[in-house]
Amino acid sequence: MTKILSVVLFLVISFSAIGQTIGRVNKKTKEFTVAADQKAAYTVFGYQYPNITTKKVICFSSSENMVREENPKCLLGAYFDTDKMKVGDKILYVGVAGSFARMKYVTGSGKSMLFYLPKSSFAIK
C-alpha cells in the first residue's frame, strides 16, 4: 500500500513540476516577466534553439544553488526572477517555434539575442 501511495505521490509532483507556469507575457507589450513571489519551487531554462538538447542560455530558478551554478554557464545569466536582471534589460515574446516560444533578450544599450523557452513555462495575459 505504501509503495502505491509513494508512486502516486511521485507522479503528482512530477506532473505539476513539468507543467509549471512560472512566467507571464504581457499581451500588449509582449514583455516576459517572472514574479519574485512564486509559491512553488521552479527551474526553467531558455535554449539556443527550440530543442532542449541545445545550449542553455538563460535560467530562472527558485533554487539559490541552481542560480549560482548556472550563472557562469548561461550566456544570458541565471536569475530568481526578471527583477534581478540588469536595469534596462528585458525579455520580449517574438513568436512560436513548435512547443517553444521565440524570445528576445534586449539589453539596456539595445543589443539583442534570440533564445527559446518552453511554452508550458509561461502564460500570455
Protein backbone atom coordinates (compact mmCIF):
# COMPACT_ATOMS: atom_id res chain seq x y z
CA MET A 1 0.00 0.00 0.00
CA THR A 2 2.77 2.46 0.88
CA LYS A 3 4.55 1.60 -2.36
CA ILE A 4 1.45 2.51 -4.41
CA LEU A 5 0.98 5.71 -2.42
CA SER A 6 4.63 6.63 -3.00
CA VAL A 7 4.29 6.09 -6.75
CA VAL A 8 1.10 8.19 -6.90
CA LEU A 9 2.72 10.99 -4.90
CA PHE A 10 5.79 10.92 -7.16
CA LEU A 11 3.61 11.16 -10.29
CA VAL A 12 1.60 14.07 -8.91
CA ILE A 13 4.76 16.00 -8.02
CA SER A 14 6.39 15.18 -11.37
CA PHE A 15 3.42 16.27 -13.47
CA SER A 16 2.98 19.51 -11.54
CA ALA A 17 6.68 20.36 -11.98
CA ILE A 18 6.65 19.59 -15.71
CA GLY A 19 3.64 21.76 -16.49
CA GLN A 20 4.64 24.59 -14.20
CA THR A 21 3.88 28.10 -15.41
CA ILE A 22 6.33 30.50 -13.78
CA GLY A 23 6.33 33.41 -16.21
CA ARG A 24 3.93 35.79 -17.85
CA VAL A 25 3.91 37.63 -21.17
CA ASN A 26 2.04 40.93 -21.22
CA LYS A 27 -0.37 40.72 -24.17
CA LYS A 28 0.08 44.42 -25.08
CA THR A 29 3.81 44.99 -24.58
CA LYS A 30 4.95 41.37 -25.28
CA GLU A 31 7.30 41.68 -22.29
CA PHE A 32 8.09 38.46 -20.39
CA THR A 33 8.32 38.59 -16.60
CA VAL A 34 8.91 36.13 -13.78
CA ALA A 35 7.49 37.35 -10.48
CA ALA A 36 9.60 37.32 -7.33
CA ASP A 37 6.84 35.93 -5.09
CA GLN A 38 6.48 32.42 -6.55
CA LYS A 39 4.97 29.92 -4.09
CA ALA A 40 6.41 26.75 -5.69
CA ALA A 41 9.93 25.63 -6.48
CA TYR A 42 10.83 26.09 -10.16
CA THR A 43 13.63 25.90 -12.68
CA VAL A 44 13.19 26.90 -16.32
CA PHE A 45 15.87 27.11 -18.98
CA GLY A 46 15.95 29.10 -22.20
CA TYR A 47 17.78 27.36 -25.04
CA GLN A 48 19.85 28.49 -28.02
CA TYR A 49 17.45 26.69 -30.39
CA PRO A 50 13.92 25.26 -29.90
CA ASN A 51 15.25 21.95 -28.60
CA ILE A 52 16.22 21.01 -25.02
CA THR A 53 19.38 19.28 -26.23
CA THR A 54 20.87 22.60 -27.38
CA LYS A 55 22.91 25.02 -25.27
CA LYS A 56 21.18 26.53 -22.23
CA VAL A 57 21.50 30.32 -22.49
CA ILE A 58 19.35 31.57 -19.57
CA CYS A 59 17.95 30.12 -16.35
CA PHE A 60 15.18 31.14 -13.97
CA SER A 61 15.09 29.19 -10.72
CA SER A 62 13.88 29.44 -7.14
CA SER A 63 16.97 27.50 -6.02
CA GLU A 64 19.91 29.58 -4.86
CA ASN A 65 22.29 26.71 -5.70
CA MET A 66 20.89 26.40 -9.23
CA VAL A 67 21.21 30.15 -9.88
CA ARG A 68 24.77 30.13 -8.56
CA GLU A 69 25.77 27.04 -10.59
CA GLU A 70 24.10 28.04 -13.86
CA ASN A 71 25.03 31.75 -13.90
CA PRO A 72 28.55 31.25 -15.33
CA LYS A 73 27.30 28.52 -17.71
CA CYS A 74 24.43 30.50 -19.26
CA LEU A 75 25.39 33.30 -21.66
CA LEU A 76 22.46 35.48 -20.54
CA GLY A 77 22.78 34.54 -16.86
CA ALA A 78 20.70 32.83 -14.20
CA TYR A 79 18.10 34.63 -12.10
CA PHE A 80 15.46 34.11 -9.43
CA ASP A 81 13.12 36.46 -11.32
CA THR A 82 13.24 39.12 -14.05
CA ASP A 83 13.60 41.91 -11.46
CA LYS A 84 17.12 40.58 -10.80
CA MET A 85 18.22 41.23 -14.41
CA LYS A 86 20.34 44.32 -15.13
CA VAL A 87 18.47 47.62 -15.11
CA GLY A 88 17.15 48.35 -18.61
CA ASP A 89 17.34 44.72 -19.79
CA LYS A 90 14.12 42.98 -20.79
CA ILE A 91 12.80 39.87 -22.49
CA LEU A 92 10.26 40.12 -25.30
CA TYR A 93 7.99 37.45 -26.75
CA VAL A 94 8.57 37.21 -30.51
CA GLY A 95 6.53 34.19 -31.60
CA VAL A 96 6.05 30.44 -31.59
CA ALA A 97 8.54 27.75 -32.64
CA GLY A 98 6.83 24.38 -32.18
CA SER A 99 6.49 23.66 -28.45
CA PHE A 100 8.76 26.62 -27.70
CA ALA A 101 8.39 30.38 -27.76
CA ARG A 102 10.93 32.55 -29.54
CA MET A 103 12.09 35.19 -27.06
CA LYS A 104 14.38 38.17 -27.47
CA TYR A 105 16.67 39.31 -24.67
CA VAL A 106 17.25 43.06 -25.14
CA THR A 107 19.92 44.90 -23.16
CA GLY A 108 19.57 48.48 -21.99
CA SER A 109 22.00 49.51 -24.76
CA GLY A 110 19.79 47.90 -27.44
CA LYS A 111 21.78 44.73 -28.16
CA SER A 112 19.61 41.65 -28.50
CA MET A 113 19.78 37.86 -28.64
CA LEU A 114 17.13 35.28 -29.50
CA PHE A 115 16.52 32.23 -27.33
CA TYR A 116 13.73 29.71 -26.86
CA LEU A 117 11.59 28.96 -23.80
CA PRO A 118 9.21 26.03 -23.42
CA LYS A 119 5.69 27.36 -24.00
CA SER A 120 4.49 25.48 -20.93
CA SER A 121 6.63 27.70 -18.67
CA PHE A 122 4.60 30.89 -19.13
CA ALA A 123 1.16 32.28 -19.86
CA ILE A 124 0.13 35.18 -22.11
CA LYS A 125 -2.15 37.58 -20.26
